Amino acid sequence: MTTSSHPKAIEVTAVAHFIEEQSSIEADRYVFAYHITIRNIGSASAQLLGRHWIITDAGGAVQEVEGSGVIGKQPLLKPGEAFEYTSGCTIATPVGTMKGRYQMVGEDGGHFDADIPEFTLAMPRTLH
């Protein structure tokens, strides 16, 4: 875990929700929304350039998603600032996980990764 004493410290939190009305159990289509908060807890500004997600379903199928920015944006976060967004994914099982990293660039021009800790995607009443 990166500490706030490092100038390039980015904290990422995620909350996932099952979207029942867009899902189809019969078609093995489980849709989840996830809300991400990216907070700059360091002492220098940093800009999010890209993302790399690893989405794994309960059957072991892996989807990798890479791209520039998030929701069409490349937010610049000054120390203490946060950027929040909501996106979604579809998997073939009622339970899965997501993790990844954001590619960042600091105000000094140095590139670094901000880890996205693994979080669970779960249809209600499937985990005990």
Protein backbone atom coordinates (compact mmCIF):
# COMPACT_ATOMS: atom_id res chain seq x y z
CA MET A 1 0.00 0.00 0.00
CA THR A 2 1.31 3.40 -0.94
CA THR A 3 1.45 5.88 1.92
CA SER A 4 0.60 9.55 1.81
CA SER A 5 4.23 10.47 2.44
CA HIS A 6 4.99 9.48 -1.17
CA PRO A 7 4.31 12.35 -3.60
CA LYS A 8 2.52 9.96 -5.99
CA ALA A 9 -0.01 8.27 -3.72
CA ILE A 10 -3.34 7.34 -5.30
CA GLU A 11 -6.04 5.53 -3.31
CA VAL A 12 -8.74 3.65 -5.24
CA THR A 13 -11.98 2.35 -3.73
CA ALA A 14 -14.76 0.45 -5.48
CA VAL A 15 -18.35 -0.52 -4.69
CA ALA A 16 -20.19 -2.95 -6.98
CA HIS A 17 -23.95 -3.52 -7.39
CA PHE A 18 -25.85 -6.21 -9.29
CA ILE A 19 -28.19 -4.78 -11.96
CA GLU A 20 -31.06 -7.28 -11.96
CA GLU A 21 -33.17 -5.58 -14.66
CA GLN A 22 -30.32 -5.81 -17.22
CA SER A 23 -29.31 -9.35 -16.28
CA SER A 24 -30.64 -12.67 -17.57
CA ILE A 25 -29.95 -15.74 -15.46
CA GLU A 26 -31.27 -17.98 -18.26
CA ALA A 27 -28.77 -16.43 -20.71
CA ASP A 28 -25.83 -16.48 -18.24
CA ARG A 29 -25.71 -12.69 -18.39
CA TYR A 30 -24.95 -11.00 -15.07
CA VAL A 31 -24.62 -7.21 -15.23
CA PHE A 32 -22.88 -5.20 -12.54
CA ALA A 33 -22.37 -1.49 -12.00
CA TYR A 34 -19.33 -0.35 -10.07
CA HIS A 35 -18.65 3.03 -8.53
CA ILE A 36 -14.99 4.04 -8.33
CA THR A 37 -13.40 6.76 -6.23
CA ILE A 38 -9.84 7.76 -7.15
CA ARG A 39 -8.28 9.97 -4.48
CA ASN A 40 -4.91 11.70 -4.58
CA ILE A 41 -3.51 11.27 -1.06
CA GLY A 42 -0.01 12.29 -2.14
CA SER A 43 1.68 15.67 -2.21
CA ALA A 44 1.90 16.13 -6.01
CA SER A 45 -0.70 16.38 -8.78
CA ALA A 46 -1.24 13.35 -10.98
CA GLN A 47 -3.26 12.69 -14.12
CA LEU A 48 -4.99 9.43 -15.02
CA LEU A 49 -3.98 8.43 -18.55
CA GLY A 50 -5.37 4.92 -18.93
CA ARG A 51 -6.80 1.81 -17.32
CA HIS A 52 -6.24 -1.93 -17.31
CA TRP A 53 -8.95 -4.12 -15.82
CA ILE A 54 -8.88 -7.87 -15.17
CA ILE A 55 -12.42 -9.23 -14.78
CA THR A 56 -12.73 -12.89 -13.75
CA ASP A 57 -15.95 -14.87 -13.45
CA ALA A 58 -16.56 -17.87 -11.18
CA GLY A 59 -15.82 -20.25 -14.08
CA GLY A 60 -12.33 -18.78 -14.45
CA ALA A 61 -13.06 -16.87 -17.67
CA VAL A 62 -10.96 -13.70 -17.78
CA GLN A 63 -11.73 -10.47 -19.65
CA GLU A 64 -9.00 -7.86 -19.90
CA VAL A 65 -10.01 -4.30 -20.69
CA GLU A 66 -7.43 -1.65 -21.52
CA GLY A 67 -7.97 1.84 -22.75
CA SER A 68 -7.31 5.48 -22.44
CA GLY A 69 -8.85 7.36 -19.52
CA VAL A 70 -12.08 6.44 -17.74
CA ILE A 71 -15.58 7.26 -19.05
CA GLY A 72 -13.95 9.38 -21.76
CA LYS A 73 -11.98 11.52 -19.31
CA GLN A 74 -8.36 11.78 -18.16
CA PRO A 75 -8.83 13.58 -14.84
CA LEU A 76 -6.06 15.63 -13.24
CA LEU A 77 -6.06 15.17 -9.48
CA LYS A 78 -4.39 17.76 -7.28
CA PRO A 79 -3.33 16.69 -3.77
CA GLY A 80 -6.45 15.96 -1.74
CA GLU A 81 -8.77 15.84 -4.75
CA ALA A 82 -10.90 12.87 -5.78
CA PHE A 83 -12.57 11.79 -9.02
CA GLU A 84 -15.60 9.50 -8.97
CA TYR A 85 -17.31 7.64 -11.75
CA THR A 86 -19.68 4.73 -12.35
CA SER A 87 -19.28 2.12 -15.06
CA GLY A 88 -20.35 -1.46 -15.62
CA CYS A 89 -19.45 -4.92 -16.81
CA THR A 90 -21.13 -8.18 -17.75
CA ILE A 91 -19.97 -11.65 -16.74
CA ALA A 92 -21.37 -15.17 -17.32
CA THR A 93 -21.65 -16.21 -13.67
CA PRO A 94 -23.44 -14.74 -10.62
CA VAL A 95 -20.11 -14.11 -8.86
CA GLY A 96 -16.80 -12.72 -10.08
CA THR A 97 -13.99 -10.32 -9.28
CA MET A 98 -12.41 -7.21 -10.75
CA LYS A 99 -8.98 -5.72 -10.20
CA GLY A 100 -6.53 -3.71 -12.19
CA ARG A 101 -4.54 -0.53 -12.35
CA TYR A 102 -4.67 3.01 -13.61
CA GLN A 103 -1.73 4.38 -15.58
CA MET A 104 -0.88 7.77 -14.10
CA VAL A 105 1.58 10.57 -14.82
CA GLY A 106 2.85 12.85 -12.08
CA GLU A 107 3.44 16.58 -12.40
CA ASP A 108 7.17 15.74 -12.73
CA GLY A 109 6.39 13.76 -15.92
CA GLY A 110 7.09 10.41 -14.26
CA HIS A 111 4.71 7.58 -15.07
CA PHE A 112 3.42 5.21 -12.37
CA ASP A 113 0.61 2.73 -11.78
CA ALA A 114 -2.14 3.12 -9.20
CA ASP A 115 -3.41 -0.32 -8.17
CA ILE A 116 -7.13 -1.02 -8.11
CA PRO A 117 -7.62 -3.52 -5.26
CA GLU A 118 -9.62 -6.62 -6.14
CA PHE A 119 -13.33 -6.37 -5.38
CA THR A 120 -16.18 -8.86 -5.67
CA LEU A 121 -19.05 -8.85 -8.12
CA ALA A 122 -21.91 -10.86 -6.59
CA MET A 123 -25.57 -11.29 -7.31
CA PRO A 124 -27.46 -10.93 -3.99
CA ARG A 125 -28.06 -14.19 -2.12
CA THR A 126 -25.19 -16.01 -3.89
CA LEU A 127 -22.50 -15.44 -1.22
CA HIS A 128 -23.00 -16.65 2.36
